[in-house]
Amino acid sequence: MKKKKFRRLNSDFEVKEKIILRDFLAMERTTLANERTFFSYIRTGLYLTIAGIGIMELDNLESLQWLAYILYAISAFLISFGFIRYNIVQKKLSRFYDRVETDKINEKDK
């Protein structure tokens, strides 16, 4: 069976045109969206951790302590996945920013 790759995570897009202001602003918006998404993963992970702590501390819910441990595991996974995803996207964006800087230097030399 052939293993499928995630296009969104492993795409190698190459810029072949000159980057203009519109493209630069789009990259800035993408960077900000990437940061917002990362913070959302962290926020959700912290909410799940707080819910797990709440379940552990309530005497009436002693029979549901297994649920608290599941919430802790999901929380750790979400925070880890968010961090990994943020770094992958940020590395891809930095390649494009490097391209923009190289194009600016080449234009000044002409």
PDB file of N, CA and C in Angstrom:
ATOM      1  N   MET A   1       0.841  -1.176   0.000  1.00  0.00           N
ATOM      2  CA  MET A   1       0.000   0.000   0.000  1.00  0.00           C
ATOM      3  C   MET A   1       0.891   1.245   0.000  1.00  0.00           C
ATOM      4  N   LYS A   2       0.577   2.180  -0.844  1.00  0.00           N
ATOM      5  CA  LYS A   2       1.376   3.399  -0.974  1.00  0.00           C
ATOM      6  C   LYS A   2       0.990   4.393   0.121  1.00  0.00           C
ATOM      7  N   LYS A   3       1.979   4.977   0.758  1.00  0.00           N
ATOM      8  CA  LYS A   3       1.743   5.940   1.830  1.00  0.00           C
ATOM      9  C   LYS A   3       1.416   7.310   1.230  1.00  0.00           C
ATOM     10  N   LYS A   4       0.333   7.903   1.709  1.00  0.00           N
ATOM     11  CA  LYS A   4      -0.068   9.215   1.217  1.00  0.00           C
ATOM     12  C   LYS A   4       0.618  10.301   2.028  1.00  0.00           C
ATOM     13  N   LYS A   5       0.998  11.356   1.353  1.00  0.00           N
ATOM     14  CA  LYS A   5       1.603  12.505   2.020  1.00  0.00           C
ATOM     15  C   LYS A   5       0.568  13.602   2.157  1.00  0.00           C
ATOM     16  N   PHE A   6       0.695  14.363   3.238  1.00  0.00           N
ATOM     17  CA  PHE A   6      -0.163  15.517   3.416  1.00  0.00           C
ATOM     18  C   PHE A   6       0.359  16.646   2.549  1.00  0.00           C
ATOM     19  N   ARG A   7      -0.424  17.099   1.635  1.00  0.00           N
ATOM     20  CA  ARG A   7      -0.001  18.170   0.728  1.00  0.00           C
ATOM     21  C   ARG A   7       0.272  19.460   1.483  1.00  0.00           C
ATOM     22  N   ARG A   8      -0.542  19.755   2.457  1.00  0.00           N
ATOM     23  CA  ARG A   8      -0.416  21.017   3.170  1.00  0.00           C
ATOM     24  C   ARG A   8       0.873  21.068   3.978  1.00  0.00           C
ATOM     25  N   LEU A   9       1.363  19.931   4.438  1.00  0.00           N
ATOM     26  CA  LEU A   9       2.559  19.929   5.268  1.00  0.00           C
ATOM     27  C   LEU A   9       3.841  19.765   4.460  1.00  0.00           C
ATOM     28  N   ASN A  10       3.754  19.107   3.315  1.00  0.00           N
ATOM     29  CA  ASN A  10       4.967  18.765   2.577  1.00  0.00           C
ATOM     30  C   ASN A  10       5.049  19.386   1.190  1.00  0.00           C
ATOM     31  N   SER A  11       4.299  20.402   0.916  1.00  0.00           N
ATOM     32  CA  SER A  11       4.329  20.981  -0.426  1.00  0.00           C
ATOM     33  C   SER A  11       5.586  21.831  -0.604  1.00  0.00           C
ATOM     34  N   ASP A  12       6.172  21.734  -1.779  1.00  0.00           N
ATOM     35  CA  ASP A  12       7.344  22.540  -2.124  1.00  0.00           C
ATOM     36  C   ASP A  12       6.964  23.477  -3.259  1.00  0.00           C
ATOM     37  N   PHE A  13       6.454  24.617  -2.899  1.00  0.00           N
ATOM     38  CA  PHE A  13       6.036  25.618  -3.869  1.00  0.00           C
ATOM     39  C   PHE A  13       7.202  26.545  -4.134  1.00  0.00           C
ATOM     40  N   GLU A  14       7.459  26.820  -5.386  1.00  0.00           N
ATOM     41  CA  GLU A  14       8.563  27.698  -5.737  1.00  0.00           C
ATOM     42  C   GLU A  14       8.025  28.946  -6.427  1.00  0.00           C
ATOM     43  N   VAL A  15       8.502  30.082  -5.991  1.00  0.00           N
ATOM     44  CA  VAL A  15       8.071  31.363  -6.557  1.00  0.00           C
ATOM     45  C   VAL A  15       8.864  31.611  -7.836  1.00  0.00           C
ATOM     46  N   LYS A  16       8.144  31.872  -8.933  1.00  0.00           N
ATOM     47  CA  LYS A  16       8.815  32.105 -10.206  1.00  0.00           C
ATOM     48  C   LYS A  16       8.601  33.515 -10.713  1.00  0.00           C
ATOM     49  N   GLU A  17       7.771  34.275 -10.013  1.00  0.00           N
ATOM     50  CA  GLU A  17       7.502  35.645 -10.411  1.00  0.00           C
ATOM     51  C   GLU A  17       8.099  36.603  -9.397  1.00  0.00           C
ATOM     52  N   LYS A  18       8.175  37.860  -9.798  1.00  0.00           N
ATOM     53  CA  LYS A  18       8.660  38.895  -8.896  1.00  0.00           C
ATOM     54  C   LYS A  18       7.601  39.149  -7.821  1.00  0.00           C
ATOM     55  N   ILE A  19       8.032  39.229  -6.569  1.00  0.00           N
ATOM     56  CA  ILE A  19       7.109  39.448  -5.460  1.00  0.00           C
ATOM     57  C   ILE A  19       6.826  40.942  -5.350  1.00  0.00           C
ATOM     58  N   ILE A  20       5.539  41.295  -5.345  1.00  0.00           N
ATOM     59  CA  ILE A  20       5.130  42.686  -5.238  1.00  0.00           C
ATOM     60  C   ILE A  20       4.530  42.926  -3.858  1.00  0.00           C
ATOM     61  N   LEU A  21       4.130  44.145  -3.601  1.00  0.00           N
ATOM     62  CA  LEU A  21       3.610  44.526  -2.290  1.00  0.00           C
ATOM     63  C   LEU A  21       2.428  43.657  -1.872  1.00  0.00           C
ATOM     64  N   ARG A  22       1.530  43.380  -2.775  1.00  0.00           N
ATOM     65  CA  ARG A  22       0.360  42.548  -2.471  1.00  0.00           C
ATOM     66  C   ARG A  22       0.785  41.180  -1.942  1.00  0.00           C
ATOM     67  N   ASP A  23       1.804  40.596  -2.587  1.00  0.00           N
ATOM     68  CA  ASP A  23       2.294  39.286  -2.155  1.00  0.00           C
ATOM     69  C   ASP A  23       2.973  39.368  -0.798  1.00  0.00           C
ATOM     70  N   PHE A  24       3.729  40.437  -0.584  1.00  0.00           N
ATOM     71  CA  PHE A  24       4.397  40.616   0.698  1.00  0.00           C
ATOM     72  C   PHE A  24       3.372  40.751   1.823  1.00  0.00           C
ATOM     73  N   LEU A  25       2.309  41.525   1.592  1.00  0.00           N
ATOM     74  CA  LEU A  25       1.262  41.685   2.596  1.00  0.00           C
ATOM     75  C   LEU A  25       0.520  40.373   2.844  1.00  0.00           C
ATOM     76  N   ALA A  26       0.356  39.577   1.812  1.00  0.00           N
ATOM     77  CA  ALA A  26      -0.279  38.269   1.983  1.00  0.00           C
ATOM     78  C   ALA A  26       0.580  37.372   2.869  1.00  0.00           C
ATOM     79  N   MET A  27       1.905  37.451   2.704  1.00  0.00           N
ATOM     80  CA  MET A  27       2.791  36.662   3.569  1.00  0.00           C
ATOM     81  C   MET A  27       2.712  37.142   5.016  1.00  0.00           C
ATOM     82  N   GLU A  28       2.580  38.442   5.208  1.00  0.00           N
ATOM     83  CA  GLU A  28       2.432  38.976   6.565  1.00  0.00           C
ATOM     84  C   GLU A  28       1.136  38.478   7.201  1.00  0.00           C
ATOM     85  N   ARG A  29       0.055  38.475   6.432  1.00  0.00           N
ATOM     86  CA  ARG A  29      -1.219  37.972   6.954  1.00  0.00           C
ATOM     87  C   ARG A  29      -1.115  36.495   7.293  1.00  0.00           C
ATOM     88  N   THR A  30      -0.407  35.744   6.472  1.00  0.00           N
ATOM     89  CA  THR A  30      -0.229  34.320   6.729  1.00  0.00           C
ATOM     90  C   THR A  30       0.579  34.096   7.998  1.00  0.00           C
ATOM     91  N   THR A  31       1.596  34.912   8.210  1.00  0.00           N
ATOM     92  CA  THR A  31       2.388  34.801   9.447  1.00  0.00           C
ATOM     93  C   THR A  31       1.526  35.080  10.664  1.00  0.00           C
ATOM     94  N   LEU A  32       0.722  36.118  10.599  1.00  0.00           N
ATOM     95  CA  LEU A  32      -0.154  36.440  11.725  1.00  0.00           C
ATOM     96  C   LEU A  32      -1.199  35.346  11.951  1.00  0.00           C
ATOM     97  N   ALA A  33      -1.719  34.774  10.878  1.00  0.00           N
ATOM     98  CA  ALA A  33      -2.684  33.682  11.014  1.00  0.00           C
ATOM     99  C   ALA A  33      -2.020  32.458  11.633  1.00  0.00           C
ATOM    100  N   ASN A  34      -0.773  32.209  11.269  1.00  0.00           N
ATOM    101  CA  ASN A  34      -0.028  31.097  11.847  1.00  0.00           C
ATOM    102  C   ASN A  34       0.144  31.289  13.354  1.00  0.00           C
ATOM    103  N   GLU A  35       0.473  32.500  13.773  1.00  0.00           N
ATOM    104  CA  GLU A  35       0.628  32.780  15.201  1.00  0.00           C
ATOM    105  C   GLU A  35      -0.702  32.641  15.934  1.00  0.00           C
ATOM    106  N   ARG A  36      -1.784  33.138  15.326  1.00  0.00           N
ATOM    107  CA  ARG A  36      -3.111  33.018  15.945  1.00  0.00           C
ATOM    108  C   ARG A  36      -3.495  31.560  16.140  1.00  0.00           C
ATOM    109  N   THR A  37      -3.222  30.736  15.136  1.00  0.00           N
ATOM    110  CA  THR A  37      -3.549  29.324  15.222  1.00  0.00           C
ATOM    111  C   THR A  37      -2.732  28.647  16.319  1.00  0.00           C
ATOM    112  N   PHE A  38      -1.457  28.992  16.413  1.00  0.00           N
ATOM    113  CA  PHE A  38      -0.599  28.440  17.465  1.00  0.00           C
ATOM    114  C   PHE A  38      -1.143  28.789  18.845  1.00  0.00           C
ATOM    115  N   PHE A  39      -1.533  30.043  19.028  1.00  0.00           N
ATOM    116  CA  PHE A  39      -2.090  30.446  20.322  1.00  0.00           C
ATOM    117  C   PHE A  39      -3.420  29.749  20.602  1.00  0.00           C
ATOM    118  N   SER A  40      -4.180  29.446  19.576  1.00  0.00           N
ATOM    119  CA  SER A  40      -5.433  28.718  19.755  1.00  0.00           C
ATOM    120  C   SER A  40      -5.172  27.302  20.249  1.00  0.00           C
ATOM    121  N   TYR A  41      -4.156  26.650  19.694  1.00  0.00           N
ATOM    122  CA  TYR A  41      -3.791  25.316  20.172  1.00  0.00           C
ATOM    123  C   TYR A  41      -3.388  25.367  21.644  1.00  0.00           C
ATOM    124  N   ILE A  42      -2.584  26.348  22.008  1.00  0.00           N
ATOM    125  CA  ILE A  42      -2.152  26.479  23.405  1.00  0.00           C
ATOM    126  C   ILE A  42      -3.352  26.747  24.307  1.00  0.00           C
ATOM    127  N   ARG A  43      -4.212  27.668  23.903  1.00  0.00           N
ATOM    128  CA  ARG A  43      -5.388  28.013  24.711  1.00  0.00           C
ATOM    129  C   ARG A  43      -6.287  26.798  24.925  1.00  0.00           C
ATOM    130  N   THR A  44      -6.534  26.034  23.859  1.00  0.00           N
ATOM    131  CA  THR A  44      -7.378  24.856  23.974  1.00  0.00           C
ATOM    132  C   THR A  44      -6.737  23.821  24.884  1.00  0.00           C
ATOM    133  N   GLY A  45      -5.424  23.629  24.750  1.00  0.00           N
ATOM    134  CA  GLY A  45      -4.720  22.700  25.621  1.00  0.00           C
ATOM    135  C   GLY A  45      -4.804  23.105  27.085  1.00  0.00           C
ATOM    136  N   LEU A  46      -4.677  24.394  27.356  1.00  0.00           N
ATOM    137  CA  LEU A  46      -4.771  24.863  28.742  1.00  0.00           C
ATOM    138  C   LEU A  46      -6.189  24.706  29.292  1.00  0.00           C
ATOM    139  N   TYR A  47      -7.200  24.951  28.463  1.00  0.00           N
ATOM    140  CA  TYR A  47      -8.581  24.749  28.911  1.00  0.00           C
ATOM    141  C   TYR A  47      -8.826  23.289  29.274  1.00  0.00           C
ATOM    142  N   LEU A  48      -8.311  22.371  28.456  1.00  0.00           N
ATOM    143  CA  LEU A  48      -8.482  20.954  28.761  1.00  0.00           C
ATOM    144  C   LEU A  48      -7.741  20.564  30.039  1.00  0.00           C
ATOM    145  N   THR A  49      -6.575  21.149  30.257  1.00  0.00           N
ATOM    146  CA  THR A  49      -5.834  20.883  31.493  1.00  0.00           C
ATOM    147  C   THR A  49      -6.619  21.381  32.703  1.00  0.00           C
ATOM    148  N   ILE A  50      -7.188  22.564  32.601  1.00  0.00           N
ATOM    149  CA  ILE A  50      -7.984  23.116  33.701  1.00  0.00           C
ATOM    150  C   ILE A  50      -9.210  22.243  33.961  1.00  0.00           C
ATOM    151  N   ALA A  51      -9.836  21.747  32.891  1.00  0.00           N
ATOM    152  CA  ALA A  51     -10.985  20.853  33.072  1.00  0.00           C
ATOM    153  C   ALA A  51     -10.554  19.567  33.780  1.00  0.00           C
ATOM    154  N   GLY A  52      -9.399  19.036  33.420  1.00  0.00           N
ATOM    155  CA  GLY A  52      -8.883  17.838  34.087  1.00  0.00           C
ATOM    156  C   GLY A  52      -8.602  18.088  35.561  1.00  0.00           C
ATOM    157  N   ILE A  53      -8.030  19.238  35.871  1.00  0.00           N
ATOM    158  CA  ILE A  53      -7.770  19.587  37.272  1.00  0.00           C
ATOM    159  C   ILE A  53      -9.089  19.703  38.031  1.00  0.00           C
ATOM    160  N   GLY A  54     -10.082  20.311  37.400  1.00  0.00           N
ATOM    161  CA  GLY A  54     -11.392  20.453  38.037  1.00  0.00           C
ATOM    162  C   GLY A  54     -12.016  19.103  38.352  1.00  0.00           C
ATOM    163  N   ILE A  55     -11.922  18.173  37.411  1.00  0.00           N
ATOM    164  CA  ILE A  55     -12.472  16.834  37.634  1.00  0.00           C
ATOM    165  C   ILE A  55     -11.736  16.136  38.772  1.00  0.00           C
ATOM    166  N   MET A  56     -10.411  16.293  38.817  1.00  0.00           N
ATOM    167  CA  MET A  56      -9.618  15.632  39.867  1.00  0.00           C
ATOM    168  C   MET A  56      -9.937  16.193  41.247  1.00  0.00           C
ATOM    169  N   GLU A  57     -10.260  17.463  41.323  1.00  0.00           N
ATOM    170  CA  GLU A  57     -10.460  18.113  42.625  1.00  0.00           C
ATOM    171  C   GLU A  57     -11.864  17.957  43.197  1.00  0.00           C
ATOM    172  N   LEU A  58     -12.837  17.692  42.351  1.00  0.00           N
ATOM    173  CA  LEU A  58     -14.200  17.560  42.843  1.00  0.00           C
ATOM    174  C   LEU A  58     -14.433  16.173  43.445  1.00  0.00           C
ATOM    175  N   ASP A  59     -14.942  16.149  44.670  1.00  0.00           N
ATOM    176  CA  ASP A  59     -15.175  14.873  45.353  1.00  0.00           C
ATOM    177  C   ASP A  59     -16.298  14.080  44.715  1.00  0.00           C
ATOM    178  N   ASN A  60     -17.287  14.753  44.155  1.00  0.00           N
ATOM    179  CA  ASN A  60     -18.431  14.065  43.534  1.00  0.00           C
ATOM    180  C   ASN A  60     -18.039  13.323  42.257  1.00  0.00           C
ATOM    181  N   LEU A  61     -16.930  13.695  41.652  1.00  0.00           N
ATOM    182  CA  LEU A  61     -16.527  13.106  40.371  1.00  0.00           C
ATOM    183  C   LEU A  61     -15.329  12.164  40.498  1.00  0.00           C
ATOM    184  N   GLU A  62     -15.168  11.527  41.648  1.00  0.00           N
ATOM    185  CA  GLU A  62     -14.031  10.610  41.831  1.00  0.00           C
ATOM    186  C   GLU A  62     -14.074   9.441  40.860  1.00  0.00           C
ATOM    187  N   SER A  63     -15.268   9.036  40.463  1.00  0.00           N
ATOM    188  CA  SER A  63     -15.381   7.911  39.527  1.00  0.00           C
ATOM    189  C   SER A  63     -14.990   8.304  38.105  1.00  0.00           C
ATOM    190  N   LEU A  64     -14.838   9.599  37.839  1.00  0.00           N
ATOM    191  CA  LEU A  64     -14.463  10.067  36.499  1.00  0.00           C
ATOM    192  C   LEU A  64     -13.008  10.533  36.414  1.00  0.00           C
ATOM    193  N   GLN A  65     -12.171  10.087  37.323  1.00  0.00           N
ATOM    194  CA  GLN A  65     -10.773  10.525  37.274  1.00  0.00           C
ATOM    195  C   GLN A  65     -10.066  10.048  36.020  1.00  0.00           C
ATOM    196  N   TRP A  66     -10.511   8.947  35.440  1.00  0.00           N
ATOM    197  CA  TRP A  66      -9.931   8.485  34.178  1.00  0.00           C
ATOM    198  C   TRP A  66     -10.128   9.521  33.077  1.00  0.00           C
ATOM    199  N   LEU A  67     -11.254  10.249  33.154  1.00  0.00           N
ATOM    200  CA  LEU A  67     -11.513  11.294  32.172  1.00  0.00           C
ATOM    201  C   LEU A  67     -10.501  12.439  32.299  1.00  0.00           C
ATOM    202  N   ALA A  68     -10.108  12.732  33.528  1.00  0.00           N
ATOM    203  CA  ALA A  68      -9.104  13.778  33.745  1.00  0.00           C
ATOM    204  C   ALA A  68      -7.780  13.402  33.085  1.00  0.00           C
ATOM    205  N   TYR A  69      -7.390  12.141  33.204  1.00  0.00           N
ATOM    206  CA  TYR A  69      -6.133  11.705  32.586  1.00  0.00           C
ATOM    207  C   TYR A  69      -6.219  11.748  31.056  1.00  0.00           C
ATOM    208  N   ILE A  70      -7.379  11.432  30.512  1.00  0.00           N
ATOM    209  CA  ILE A  70      -7.564  11.532  29.065  1.00  0.00           C
ATOM    210  C   ILE A  70      -7.459  12.995  28.630  1.00  0.00           C
ATOM    211  N   LEU A  71      -8.052  13.893  29.413  1.00  0.00           N
ATOM    212  CA  LEU A  71      -7.961  15.322  29.086  1.00  0.00           C
ATOM    213  C   LEU A  71      -6.518  15.816  29.145  1.00  0.00           C
ATOM    214  N   TYR A  72      -5.747  15.327  30.112  1.00  0.00           N
ATOM    215  CA  TYR A  72      -4.326  15.707  30.187  1.00  0.00           C
ATOM    216  C   TYR A  72      -3.572  15.237  28.937  1.00  0.00           C
ATOM    217  N   ALA A  73      -3.852  14.009  28.502  1.00  0.00           N
ATOM    218  CA  ALA A  73      -3.174  13.467  27.321  1.00  0.00           C
ATOM    219  C   ALA A  73      -3.546  14.258  26.063  1.00  0.00           C
ATOM    220  N   ILE A  74      -4.824  14.555  25.911  1.00  0.00           N
ATOM    221  CA  ILE A  74      -5.259  15.335  24.739  1.00  0.00           C
ATOM    222  C   ILE A  74      -4.637  16.726  24.780  1.00  0.00           C
ATOM    223  N   SER A  75      -4.561  17.297  25.963  1.00  0.00           N
ATOM    224  CA  SER A  75      -3.962  18.623  26.113  1.00  0.00           C
ATOM    225  C   SER A  75      -2.493  18.618  25.692  1.00  0.00           C
ATOM    226  N   ALA A  76      -1.755  17.626  26.156  1.00  0.00           N
ATOM    227  CA  ALA A  76      -0.335  17.531  25.787  1.00  0.00           C
ATOM    228  C   ALA A  76      -0.182  17.339  24.279  1.00  0.00           C
ATOM    229  N   PHE A  77      -1.047  16.515  23.699  1.00  0.00           N
ATOM    230  CA  PHE A  77      -0.993  16.294  22.254  1.00  0.00           C
ATOM    231  C   PHE A  77      -1.270  17.584  21.490  1.00  0.00           C
ATOM    232  N   LEU A  78      -2.306  18.327  21.887  1.00  0.00           N
ATOM    233  CA  LEU A  78      -2.657  19.559  21.181  1.00  0.00           C
ATOM    234  C   LEU A  78      -1.544  20.595  21.245  1.00  0.00           C
ATOM    235  N   ILE A  79      -0.963  20.757  22.410  1.00  0.00           N
ATOM    236  CA  ILE A  79       0.115  21.739  22.548  1.00  0.00           C
ATOM    237  C   ILE A  79       1.321  21.321  21.711  1.00  0.00           C
ATOM    238  N   SER A  80       1.650  20.031  21.737  1.00  0.00           N
ATOM    239  CA  SER A  80       2.780  19.536  20.937  1.00  0.00           C
ATOM    240  C   SER A  80       2.516  19.683  19.443  1.00  0.00           C
ATOM    241  N   PHE A  81       1.324  19.290  19.015  1.00  0.00           N
ATOM    242  CA  PHE A  81       0.972  19.396  17.599  1.00  0.00           C
ATOM    243  C   PHE A  81       0.979  20.851  17.143  1.00  0.00           C
ATOM    244  N   GLY A  82       0.456  21.742  17.972  1.00  0.00           N
ATOM    245  CA  GLY A  82       0.454  23.162  17.632  1.00  0.00           C
ATOM    246  C   GLY A  82       1.858  23.710  17.475  1.00  0.00           C
ATOM    247  N   PHE A  83       2.759  23.305  18.368  1.00  0.00           N
ATOM    248  CA  PHE A  83       4.146  23.763  18.296  1.00  0.00           C
ATOM    249  C   PHE A  83       4.832  23.247  17.029  1.00  0.00           C
ATOM    250  N   ILE A  84       4.632  21.973  16.728  1.00  0.00           N
ATOM    251  CA  ILE A  84       5.247  21.384  15.533  1.00  0.00           C
ATOM    252  C   ILE A  84       4.693  22.038  14.272  1.00  0.00           C
ATOM    253  N   ARG A  85       3.386  22.196  14.217  1.00  0.00           N
ATOM    254  CA  ARG A  85       2.752  22.801  13.043  1.00  0.00           C
ATOM    255  C   ARG A  85       3.211  24.246  12.836  1.00  0.00           C
ATOM    256  N   TYR A  86       3.308  24.988  13.939  1.00  0.00           N
ATOM    257  CA  TYR A  86       3.773  26.371  13.860  1.00  0.00           C
ATOM    258  C   TYR A  86       5.184  26.430  13.269  1.00  0.00           C
ATOM    259  N   ASN A  87       6.068  25.573  13.730  1.00  0.00           N
ATOM    260  CA  ASN A  87       7.449  25.586  13.236  1.00  0.00           C
ATOM    261  C   ASN A  87       7.540  25.207  11.761  1.00  0.00           C
ATOM    262  N   ILE A  88       6.731  24.238  11.335  1.00  0.00           N
ATOM    263  CA  ILE A  88       6.751  23.836   9.921  1.00  0.00           C
ATOM    264  C   ILE A  88       6.334  25.001   9.028  1.00  0.00           C
ATOM    265  N   VAL A  89       5.238  25.637   9.365  1.00  0.00           N
ATOM    266  CA  VAL A  89       4.737  26.743   8.550  1.00  0.00           C
ATOM    267  C   VAL A  89       5.701  27.929   8.604  1.00  0.00           C
ATOM    268  N   GLN A  90       6.272  28.196   9.772  1.00  0.00           N
ATOM    269  CA  GLN A  90       7.190  29.327   9.913  1.00  0.00           C
ATOM    270  C   GLN A  90       8.452  29.126   9.075  1.00  0.00           C
ATOM    271  N   LYS A  91       8.958  27.895   8.991  1.00  0.00           N
ATOM    272  CA  LYS A  91      10.130  27.616   8.161  1.00  0.00           C
ATOM    273  C   LYS A  91       9.817  27.854   6.685  1.00  0.00           C
ATOM    274  N   LYS A  92       8.621  27.432   6.265  1.00  0.00           N
ATOM    275  CA  LYS A  92       8.233  27.659   4.869  1.00  0.00           C
ATOM    276  C   LYS A  92       8.110  29.147   4.569  1.00  0.00           C
ATOM    277  N   LEU A  93       7.527  29.892   5.489  1.00  0.00           N
ATOM    278  CA  LEU A  93       7.392  31.336   5.286  1.00  0.00           C
ATOM    279  C   LEU A  93       8.752  32.026   5.262  1.00  0.00           C
ATOM    280  N   SER A  94       9.667  31.571   6.082  1.00  0.00           N
ATOM    281  CA  SER A  94      10.983  32.214   6.103  1.00  0.00           C
ATOM    282  C   SER A  94      11.713  32.017   4.780  1.00  0.00           C
ATOM    283  N   ARG A  95      11.452  30.896   4.100  1.00  0.00           N
ATOM    284  CA  ARG A  95      12.050  30.711   2.766  1.00  0.00           C
ATOM    285  C   ARG A  95      11.572  31.789   1.808  1.00  0.00           C
ATOM    286  N   PHE A  96      10.289  32.119   1.865  1.00  0.00           N
ATOM    287  CA  PHE A  96       9.754  33.152   0.983  1.00  0.00           C
ATOM    288  C   PHE A  96      10.257  34.534   1.370  1.00  0.00           C
ATOM    289  N   TYR A  97      10.395  34.796   2.681  1.00  0.00           N
ATOM    290  CA  TYR A  97      10.946  36.080   3.107  1.00  0.00           C
ATOM    291  C   TYR A  97      12.393  36.236   2.641  1.00  0.00           C
ATOM    292  N   ASP A  98      13.155  35.149   2.692  1.00  0.00           N
ATOM    293  CA  ASP A  98      14.537  35.195   2.202  1.00  0.00           C
ATOM    294  C   ASP A  98      14.550  35.509   0.713  1.00  0.00           C
ATOM    295  N   ARG A  99      13.607  34.953  -0.017  1.00  0.00           N
ATOM    296  CA  ARG A  99      13.508  35.215  -1.460  1.00  0.00           C
ATOM    297  C   ARG A  99      13.204  36.690  -1.711  1.00  0.00           C
ATOM    298  N   VAL A 100      12.315  37.268  -0.915  1.00  0.00           N
ATOM    299  CA  VAL A 100      11.974  38.682  -1.072  1.00  0.00           C
ATOM    300  C   VAL A 100      13.207  39.544  -0.818  1.00  0.00           C
ATOM    301  N   GLU A 101      13.943  39.243   0.235  1.00  0.00           N
ATOM    302  CA  GLU A 101      15.142  40.017   0.562  1.00  0.00           C
ATOM    303  C   GLU A 101      16.189  39.884  -0.539  1.00  0.00           C
ATOM    304  N   THR A 102      16.355  38.702  -1.091  1.00  0.00           N
ATOM    305  CA  THR A 102      17.313  38.498  -2.173  1.00  0.00           C
ATOM    306  C   THR A 102      16.907  39.296  -3.401  1.00  0.00           C
ATOM    307  N   ASP A 103      15.604  39.317  -3.706  1.00  0.00           N
ATOM    308  CA  ASP A 103      15.123  40.090  -4.860  1.00  0.00           C
ATOM    309  C   ASP A 103      15.358  41.577  -4.656  1.00  0.00           C
ATOM    310  N   LYS A 104      15.166  42.073  -3.446  1.00  0.00           N
ATOM    311  CA  LYS A 104      15.385  43.505  -3.171  1.00  0.00           C
ATOM    312  C   LYS A 104      16.858  43.874  -3.363  1.00  0.00           C
ATOM    313  N   ILE A 105      17.740  43.024  -2.887  1.00  0.00           N
ATOM    314  CA  ILE A 105      19.186  43.297  -3.026  1.00  0.00           C
ATOM    315  C   ILE A 105      19.577  43.277  -4.501  1.00  0.00           C
ATOM    316  N   ASN A 106      19.044  42.307  -5.254  1.00  0.00           N
ATOM    317  CA  ASN A 106      19.366  42.232  -6.679  1.00  0.00           C
ATOM    318  C   ASN A 106      18.847  43.433  -7.460  1.00  0.00           C
ATOM    319  N   GLU A 107      17.684  43.959  -7.065  1.00  0.00           N
ATOM    320  CA  GLU A 107      17.139  45.142  -7.750  1.00  0.00           C
ATOM    321  C   GLU A 107      17.998  46.374  -7.477  1.00  0.00           C
ATOM    322  N   LYS A 108      18.517  46.499  -6.285  1.00  0.00           N
ATOM    323  CA  LYS A 108      19.358  47.667  -5.942  1.00  0.00           C
ATOM    324  C   LYS A 108      20.683  47.633  -6.693  1.00  0.00           C
ATOM    325  N   ASP A 109      21.190  46.434  -6.938  1.00  0.00           N
ATOM    326  CA  ASP A 109      22.462  46.309  -7.637  1.00  0.00           C
ATOM    327  C   ASP A 109      22.341  46.637  -9.119  1.00  0.00           C
ATOM    328  N   LYS A 110      21.153  46.546  -9.674  1.00  0.00           N
ATOM    329  CA  LYS A 110      20.990  46.787 -11.136  1.00  0.00           C
ATOM    330  C   LYS A 110      21.013  48.237 -11.467  1.00  0.00           C
TER     331      LYS A 110
END
